[in-house]
Amino acid sequence: MKKIILVPTSHVAKQSLKKVKEVIEKEKPDCVAVELDMNRYSAMKEQEKTSSLEALKTLGFMTFLLYWVLKKLQSWLGKKLGILPGSEMIQAVDVARKAGIKVALIDRDMRITLLRVKSISWKEKMKLLLFLFKGLTIDYLLLKIRKDGKAIDLDKVPPKELIEQAMEMMKKEFPQLYRVLVKERDEFMASRLKDMSSKFEKIVAVTGAGHTNGLQKLLG
C-alpha cells in the first residue's frame, strides 16, 4: 500500500530537529520530501545572503519591506531560540542522504512565490505591516491567535489546535496572503507528492505545520 507520512514542523523549534530524524530513521522511507525548492535549499545550505538592492528592484518597495520585516522577525526568533530558521529541513535532507534515501525538494520556487506576493493589494500589505509593527514580539502575535492566554513553548512544534487557529486568523485577516503563501503552495506540494507516490511506496514529507491540514485534505 502506498503511504505518505506528513511530519509537521516549526522552523524555529529545536523539537523539530529531533522529530525529523526520529521519523526518518523509524519509517525508513523510499523518499524524503522536503518543503524547500532548489534555490532556497542552496541559499540555506551555503548561508547565502540575498542582495537587498536586487530584491528591492525585483519586488518593489512594499513587497520588499514586508519580506524584510518577516525575515528579520524569523531571524530574531532563531537567535532567541538558538536555532537557524529552517534547520529541520536541512536536517531532513542530511539524514536521508546519509541513509541512502532519495530526497525530493517539493516546494514551489521561492522567486515565483515572492512575485505572487507582489500581486497582493497594497491595502493588505499595509495591514500586515501595521499588524507586525504594532507588537513586533512573537508573544503579541501568538496571543492574538490564542485566546486562553497560556504561555507557548517556542522550542516545540505548536499544538494542532493552535496551528489551525493561526491559519483561520490568517485566512480571515489576510486572505490574499493566505492564498499565495499557504493555499497555492499546499496545492503545488500535494501535486508533487501525488506524482511521487507512483514511484515510491513510502514517502516521509517534512513541511511546516501550517501546511499539514491543507495537504491532508488534498491528499485524502
C-alpha atoms as a PDB file:
ATOM      1  CA  MET A   1       0.000   0.000   0.000  1.00  0.00           C
ATOM      2  CA  LYS A   2       1.261   3.478  -0.916  1.00  0.00           C
ATOM      3  CA  LYS A   3       1.989   5.612   2.130  1.00  0.00           C
ATOM      4  CA  ILE A   4       2.741   9.321   2.635  1.00  0.00           C
ATOM      5  CA  ILE A   5       3.728  10.296   6.172  1.00  0.00           C
ATOM      6  CA  LEU A   6       3.431  14.027   6.922  1.00  0.00           C
ATOM      7  CA  VAL A   7       5.829  15.393   9.529  1.00  0.00           C
ATOM      8  CA  PRO A   8       4.660  18.844  10.712  1.00  0.00           C
ATOM      9  CA  THR A   9       7.452  21.094  11.947  1.00  0.00           C
ATOM     10  CA  SER A  10       8.141  24.563  13.289  1.00  0.00           C
ATOM     11  CA  HIS A  11      11.019  26.281  11.511  1.00  0.00           C
ATOM     12  CA  VAL A  12      12.403  27.649  14.798  1.00  0.00           C
ATOM     13  CA  ALA A  13      11.688  24.752  17.193  1.00  0.00           C
ATOM     14  CA  LYS A  14      14.537  22.515  18.352  1.00  0.00           C
ATOM     15  CA  GLN A  15      11.993  19.732  18.861  1.00  0.00           C
ATOM     16  CA  SER A  16      11.579  19.620  15.077  1.00  0.00           C
ATOM     17  CA  LEU A  17      15.213  18.610  14.561  1.00  0.00           C
ATOM     18  CA  LYS A  18      14.795  15.580  16.803  1.00  0.00           C
ATOM     19  CA  LYS A  19      11.377  14.677  15.421  1.00  0.00           C
ATOM     20  CA  VAL A  20      12.512  14.712  11.776  1.00  0.00           C
ATOM     21  CA  LYS A  21      15.485  12.454  12.497  1.00  0.00           C
ATOM     22  CA  GLU A  22      13.413  10.018  14.562  1.00  0.00           C
ATOM     23  CA  VAL A  23      10.645   9.644  11.952  1.00  0.00           C
ATOM     24  CA  ILE A  24      13.033   9.095   9.031  1.00  0.00           C
ATOM     25  CA  GLU A  25      15.085   6.519  10.960  1.00  0.00           C
ATOM     26  CA  LYS A  26      11.956   4.727  12.195  1.00  0.00           C
ATOM     27  CA  GLU A  27       9.986   4.672   8.928  1.00  0.00           C
ATOM     28  CA  LYS A  28      12.924   4.054   6.556  1.00  0.00           C
ATOM     29  CA  PRO A  29      11.036   5.555   3.584  1.00  0.00           C
ATOM     30  CA  ASP A  30      11.919   5.226  -0.096  1.00  0.00           C
ATOM     31  CA  CYS A  31      11.984   9.012  -0.371  1.00  0.00           C
ATOM     32  CA  VAL A  32      12.082  12.062   1.905  1.00  0.00           C
ATOM     33  CA  ALA A  33      10.193  15.071   0.534  1.00  0.00           C
ATOM     34  CA  VAL A  34      11.054  18.492   1.963  1.00  0.00           C
ATOM     35  CA  GLU A  35       9.316  21.868   1.894  1.00  0.00           C
ATOM     36  CA  LEU A  36      12.146  23.563   0.000  1.00  0.00           C
ATOM     37  CA  ASP A  37      12.968  24.463  -3.571  1.00  0.00           C
ATOM     38  CA  MET A  38      16.476  24.186  -5.023  1.00  0.00           C
ATOM     39  CA  ASN A  39      17.262  27.911  -4.769  1.00  0.00           C
ATOM     40  CA  ARG A  40      16.123  28.162  -1.160  1.00  0.00           C
ATOM     41  CA  TYR A  41      17.948  24.955  -0.234  1.00  0.00           C
ATOM     42  CA  SER A  42      21.208  26.183  -1.785  1.00  0.00           C
ATOM     43  CA  ALA A  43      20.894  29.570  -0.069  1.00  0.00           C
ATOM     44  CA  MET A  44      20.272  27.952   3.333  1.00  0.00           C
ATOM     45  CA  LYS A  45      22.993  25.344   2.909  1.00  0.00           C
ATOM     46  CA  GLU A  46      25.600  27.940   1.960  1.00  0.00           C
ATOM     47  CA  GLN A  47      24.042  30.583   4.223  1.00  0.00           C
ATOM     48  CA  GLU A  48      23.974  32.961   1.288  1.00  0.00           C
ATOM     49  CA  LYS A  49      22.515  36.433   1.697  1.00  0.00           C
ATOM     50  CA  THR A  50      20.248  37.889  -0.965  1.00  0.00           C
ATOM     51  CA  SER A  51      21.257  41.291  -2.295  1.00  0.00           C
ATOM     52  CA  SER A  52      18.857  43.823  -0.770  1.00  0.00           C
ATOM     53  CA  LEU A  53      19.177  46.142  -3.769  1.00  0.00           C
ATOM     54  CA  GLU A  54      18.429  43.322  -6.209  1.00  0.00           C
ATOM     55  CA  ALA A  55      15.448  42.168  -4.145  1.00  0.00           C
ATOM     56  CA  LEU A  56      14.135  45.751  -3.917  1.00  0.00           C
ATOM     57  CA  LYS A  57      14.301  46.166  -7.701  1.00  0.00           C
ATOM     58  CA  THR A  58      12.531  42.852  -8.303  1.00  0.00           C
ATOM     59  CA  LEU A  59       9.833  43.048  -5.639  1.00  0.00           C
ATOM     60  CA  GLY A  60       9.127  46.770  -5.361  1.00  0.00           C
ATOM     61  CA  PHE A  61       9.205  48.785  -2.141  1.00  0.00           C
ATOM     62  CA  MET A  62       6.112  47.483  -0.306  1.00  0.00           C
ATOM     63  CA  THR A  63       6.709  43.793  -1.045  1.00  0.00           C
ATOM     64  CA  PHE A  64      10.409  44.130  -0.192  1.00  0.00           C
ATOM     65  CA  LEU A  65       9.573  45.869   3.106  1.00  0.00           C
ATOM     66  CA  LEU A  66       7.129  43.088   4.001  1.00  0.00           C
ATOM     67  CA  TYR A  67       9.682  40.411   3.037  1.00  0.00           C
ATOM     68  CA  TRP A  68      12.396  42.180   5.051  1.00  0.00           C
ATOM     69  CA  VAL A  69      10.246  42.526   8.202  1.00  0.00           C
ATOM     70  CA  LEU A  70       9.144  38.868   8.101  1.00  0.00           C
ATOM     71  CA  LYS A  71      12.729  37.735   7.513  1.00  0.00           C
ATOM     72  CA  LYS A  72      14.010  39.856  10.416  1.00  0.00           C
ATOM     73  CA  LEU A  73      11.284  38.504  12.716  1.00  0.00           C
ATOM     74  CA  GLN A  74      12.188  34.915  11.844  1.00  0.00           C
ATOM     75  CA  SER A  75      15.893  35.672  12.286  1.00  0.00           C
ATOM     76  CA  TRP A  76      15.235  37.283  15.679  1.00  0.00           C
ATOM     77  CA  LEU A  77      13.239  34.233  16.759  1.00  0.00           C
ATOM     78  CA  GLY A  78      16.016  31.920  15.601  1.00  0.00           C
ATOM     79  CA  LYS A  79      18.647  33.808  17.600  1.00  0.00           C
ATOM     80  CA  LYS A  80      16.409  33.894  20.670  1.00  0.00           C
ATOM     81  CA  LEU A  81      15.923  30.122  20.489  1.00  0.00           C
ATOM     82  CA  GLY A  82      19.465  29.288  19.346  1.00  0.00           C
ATOM     83  CA  ILE A  83      18.487  27.710  16.031  1.00  0.00           C
ATOM     84  CA  LEU A  84      18.862  28.705  12.391  1.00  0.00           C
ATOM     85  CA  PRO A  85      15.315  29.023  10.955  1.00  0.00           C
ATOM     86  CA  GLY A  86      14.583  26.069   8.675  1.00  0.00           C
ATOM     87  CA  SER A  87      17.298  23.867  10.171  1.00  0.00           C
ATOM     88  CA  GLU A  88      14.883  20.929  10.366  1.00  0.00           C
ATOM     89  CA  MET A  89      14.592  20.967   6.564  1.00  0.00           C
ATOM     90  CA  ILE A  90      18.363  20.773   6.108  1.00  0.00           C
ATOM     91  CA  GLN A  91      18.406  18.078   8.799  1.00  0.00           C
ATOM     92  CA  ALA A  92      15.836  16.028   6.870  1.00  0.00           C
ATOM     93  CA  VAL A  93      17.940  16.196   3.693  1.00  0.00           C
ATOM     94  CA  ASP A  94      21.165  15.323   5.528  1.00  0.00           C
ATOM     95  CA  VAL A  95      19.651  12.382   7.459  1.00  0.00           C
ATOM     96  CA  ALA A  96      18.069  10.993   4.282  1.00  0.00           C
ATOM     97  CA  ARG A  97      21.235  11.239   2.215  1.00  0.00           C
ATOM     98  CA  LYS A  98      23.326   9.705   4.962  1.00  0.00           C
ATOM     99  CA  ALA A  99      20.929   6.713   4.979  1.00  0.00           C
ATOM    100  CA  GLY A 100      20.990   6.454   1.186  1.00  0.00           C
ATOM    101  CA  ILE A 101      17.360   7.596   0.852  1.00  0.00           C
ATOM    102  CA  LYS A 102      16.258   9.645  -2.156  1.00  0.00           C
ATOM    103  CA  VAL A 103      15.422  13.302  -1.486  1.00  0.00           C
ATOM    104  CA  ALA A 104      12.832  15.468  -3.254  1.00  0.00           C
ATOM    105  CA  LEU A 105      12.506  19.251  -2.869  1.00  0.00           C
ATOM    106  CA  ILE A 106       8.780  19.768  -3.361  1.00  0.00           C
ATOM    107  CA  ASP A 107       8.069  23.453  -2.687  1.00  0.00           C
ATOM    108  CA  ARG A 108       7.312  25.990  -5.409  1.00  0.00           C
ATOM    109  CA  ASP A 109      10.268  28.142  -6.464  1.00  0.00           C
ATOM    110  CA  MET A 110      10.576  30.882  -3.833  1.00  0.00           C
ATOM    111  CA  ARG A 111      11.091  33.523  -6.550  1.00  0.00           C
ATOM    112  CA  ILE A 112       7.676  32.701  -8.007  1.00  0.00           C
ATOM    113  CA  THR A 113       6.064  32.888  -4.557  1.00  0.00           C
ATOM    114  CA  LEU A 114       7.644  36.298  -3.882  1.00  0.00           C
ATOM    115  CA  LEU A 115       6.438  37.594  -7.232  1.00  0.00           C
ATOM    116  CA  ARG A 116       2.963  36.303  -6.365  1.00  0.00           C
ATOM    117  CA  VAL A 117       3.195  38.222  -3.068  1.00  0.00           C
ATOM    118  CA  LYS A 118       3.953  41.301  -5.176  1.00  0.00           C
ATOM    119  CA  SER A 119       0.482  40.967  -6.750  1.00  0.00           C
ATOM    120  CA  ILE A 120      -1.243  41.250  -3.361  1.00  0.00           C
ATOM    121  CA  SER A 121      -3.106  44.510  -2.833  1.00  0.00           C
ATOM    122  CA  TRP A 122      -1.287  47.458  -1.290  1.00  0.00           C
ATOM    123  CA  LYS A 123      -4.042  47.672   1.343  1.00  0.00           C
ATOM    124  CA  GLU A 124      -3.476  44.110   2.615  1.00  0.00           C
ATOM    125  CA  LYS A 125       0.306  44.536   2.678  1.00  0.00           C
ATOM    126  CA  MET A 126      -0.038  47.701   4.726  1.00  0.00           C
ATOM    127  CA  LYS A 127      -2.465  45.980   7.093  1.00  0.00           C
ATOM    128  CA  LEU A 128       0.028  43.155   7.678  1.00  0.00           C
ATOM    129  CA  LEU A 129       2.930  45.580   8.212  1.00  0.00           C
ATOM    130  CA  LEU A 130       0.918  47.508  10.802  1.00  0.00           C
ATOM    131  CA  PHE A 131      -0.002  44.217  12.475  1.00  0.00           C
ATOM    132  CA  LEU A 132       3.669  43.227  12.682  1.00  0.00           C
ATOM    133  CA  PHE A 133       4.983  46.625  13.781  1.00  0.00           C
ATOM    134  CA  LYS A 134       2.260  47.026  16.409  1.00  0.00           C
ATOM    135  CA  GLY A 135       3.687  44.298  18.581  1.00  0.00           C
ATOM    136  CA  LEU A 136       6.923  43.223  16.917  1.00  0.00           C
ATOM    137  CA  THR A 137       7.200  40.459  19.505  1.00  0.00           C
ATOM    138  CA  ILE A 138       6.260  36.845  18.971  1.00  0.00           C
ATOM    139  CA  ASP A 139       4.282  36.829  22.223  1.00  0.00           C
ATOM    140  CA  TYR A 140       1.986  39.511  20.824  1.00  0.00           C
ATOM    141  CA  LEU A 141       1.486  37.670  17.550  1.00  0.00           C
ATOM    142  CA  LEU A 142       0.706  34.354  19.227  1.00  0.00           C
ATOM    143  CA  LEU A 143      -1.558  35.858  21.858  1.00  0.00           C
ATOM    144  CA  LYS A 144      -3.559  37.478  19.047  1.00  0.00           C
ATOM    145  CA  ILE A 145      -4.246  33.907  17.967  1.00  0.00           C
ATOM    146  CA  ARG A 146      -4.520  32.151  21.315  1.00  0.00           C
ATOM    147  CA  LYS A 147      -7.494  33.247  23.363  1.00  0.00           C
ATOM    148  CA  ASP A 148      -6.731  31.347  26.579  1.00  0.00           C
ATOM    149  CA  GLY A 149      -3.636  33.448  27.350  1.00  0.00           C
ATOM    150  CA  LYS A 150      -1.477  30.419  28.132  1.00  0.00           C
ATOM    151  CA  ALA A 151       2.279  30.546  27.540  1.00  0.00           C
ATOM    152  CA  ILE A 152       3.574  28.892  24.367  1.00  0.00           C
ATOM    153  CA  ASP A 153       6.828  26.914  24.300  1.00  0.00           C
ATOM    154  CA  LEU A 154       8.550  28.057  21.106  1.00  0.00           C
ATOM    155  CA  ASP A 155      11.085  25.219  21.366  1.00  0.00           C
ATOM    156  CA  LYS A 156       8.269  22.821  20.490  1.00  0.00           C
ATOM    157  CA  VAL A 157       6.014  22.467  17.476  1.00  0.00           C
ATOM    158  CA  PRO A 158       2.765  24.297  18.389  1.00  0.00           C
ATOM    159  CA  PRO A 159      -0.245  22.043  19.060  1.00  0.00           C
ATOM    160  CA  LYS A 160      -2.554  21.282  16.131  1.00  0.00           C
ATOM    161  CA  GLU A 161      -5.345  23.403  17.635  1.00  0.00           C
ATOM    162  CA  LEU A 162      -3.132  26.496  17.761  1.00  0.00           C
ATOM    163  CA  ILE A 163      -1.892  25.961  14.193  1.00  0.00           C
ATOM    164  CA  GLU A 164      -5.488  25.689  12.959  1.00  0.00           C
ATOM    165  CA  GLN A 165      -6.405  28.873  14.844  1.00  0.00           C
ATOM    166  CA  ALA A 166      -3.438  30.678  13.290  1.00  0.00           C
ATOM    167  CA  MET A 167      -4.391  29.544   9.785  1.00  0.00           C
ATOM    168  CA  GLU A 168      -8.018  30.593  10.309  1.00  0.00           C
ATOM    169  CA  MET A 169      -6.916  34.013  11.554  1.00  0.00           C
ATOM    170  CA  MET A 170      -4.595  34.442   8.566  1.00  0.00           C
ATOM    171  CA  LYS A 171      -7.328  33.333   6.169  1.00  0.00           C
ATOM    172  CA  LYS A 172      -9.765  35.845   7.669  1.00  0.00           C
ATOM    173  CA  GLU A 173      -7.457  38.822   8.193  1.00  0.00           C
ATOM    174  CA  PHE A 174      -5.087  38.372   5.228  1.00  0.00           C
ATOM    175  CA  PRO A 175      -6.954  36.309   2.592  1.00  0.00           C
ATOM    176  CA  GLN A 176      -4.686  37.179  -0.346  1.00  0.00           C
ATOM    177  CA  LEU A 177      -1.527  36.416   1.601  1.00  0.00           C
ATOM    178  CA  TYR A 178      -3.057  33.147   2.812  1.00  0.00           C
ATOM    179  CA  ARG A 179      -3.855  32.176  -0.764  1.00  0.00           C
ATOM    180  CA  VAL A 180      -0.308  32.858  -2.011  1.00  0.00           C
ATOM    181  CA  LEU A 181       1.731  31.566   0.938  1.00  0.00           C
ATOM    182  CA  VAL A 182      -0.440  28.665   2.069  1.00  0.00           C
ATOM    183  CA  LYS A 183      -3.185  27.512  -0.325  1.00  0.00           C
ATOM    184  CA  GLU A 184      -1.238  27.734  -3.587  1.00  0.00           C
ATOM    185  CA  ARG A 185       1.815  26.068  -2.086  1.00  0.00           C
ATOM    186  CA  ASP A 186      -0.341  23.341  -0.498  1.00  0.00           C
ATOM    187  CA  GLU A 187      -1.720  22.595  -3.960  1.00  0.00           C
ATOM    188  CA  PHE A 188       1.747  22.629  -5.545  1.00  0.00           C
ATOM    189  CA  MET A 189       3.261  20.309  -2.928  1.00  0.00           C
ATOM    190  CA  ALA A 190       0.244  17.966  -2.915  1.00  0.00           C
ATOM    191  CA  SER A 191       0.538  17.627  -6.693  1.00  0.00           C
ATOM    192  CA  ARG A 192       4.239  16.793  -6.381  1.00  0.00           C
ATOM    193  CA  LEU A 193       3.553  14.211  -3.677  1.00  0.00           C
ATOM    194  CA  LYS A 194       0.801  12.571  -5.735  1.00  0.00           C
ATOM    195  CA  ASP A 195       3.165  12.257  -8.698  1.00  0.00           C
ATOM    196  CA  MET A 196       5.896  10.858  -6.468  1.00  0.00           C
ATOM    197  CA  SER A 197       3.551   8.266  -4.951  1.00  0.00           C
ATOM    198  CA  SER A 198       3.505   6.468  -8.310  1.00  0.00           C
ATOM    199  CA  LYS A 199       7.257   5.931  -7.990  1.00  0.00           C
ATOM    200  CA  PHE A 200       7.715   5.335  -4.258  1.00  0.00           C
ATOM    201  CA  GLU A 201       5.935   3.021  -1.813  1.00  0.00           C
ATOM    202  CA  LYS A 202       6.601   5.128   1.271  1.00  0.00           C
ATOM    203  CA  ILE A 203       7.319   8.859   1.438  1.00  0.00           C
ATOM    204  CA  VAL A 204       8.106  10.954   4.509  1.00  0.00           C
ATOM    205  CA  ALA A 205       7.128  14.580   3.798  1.00  0.00           C
ATOM    206  CA  VAL A 206       8.642  17.244   6.058  1.00  0.00           C
ATOM    207  CA  THR A 207       6.672  20.504   5.910  1.00  0.00           C
ATOM    208  CA  GLY A 208       5.805  23.432   8.129  1.00  0.00           C
ATOM    209  CA  ALA A 209       2.887  22.659  10.456  1.00  0.00           C
ATOM    210  CA  GLY A 210       0.767  25.326   8.747  1.00  0.00           C
ATOM    211  CA  HIS A 211       0.644  23.183   5.606  1.00  0.00           C
ATOM    212  CA  THR A 212      -0.357  19.905   7.270  1.00  0.00           C
ATOM    213  CA  ASN A 213      -4.126  20.386   7.316  1.00  0.00           C
ATOM    214  CA  GLY A 214      -4.252  21.545   3.690  1.00  0.00           C
ATOM    215  CA  LEU A 215      -2.045  18.699   2.492  1.00  0.00           C
ATOM    216  CA  GLN A 216      -4.105  16.105   4.369  1.00  0.00           C
ATOM    217  CA  LYS A 217      -7.292  17.321   2.656  1.00  0.00           C
ATOM    218  CA  LEU A 218      -5.701  17.463  -0.804  1.00  0.00           C
ATOM    219  CA  LEU A 219      -4.058  14.057  -0.454  1.00  0.00           C
ATOM    220  CA  GLY A 220      -7.133  12.432   1.031  1.00  0.00           C
END
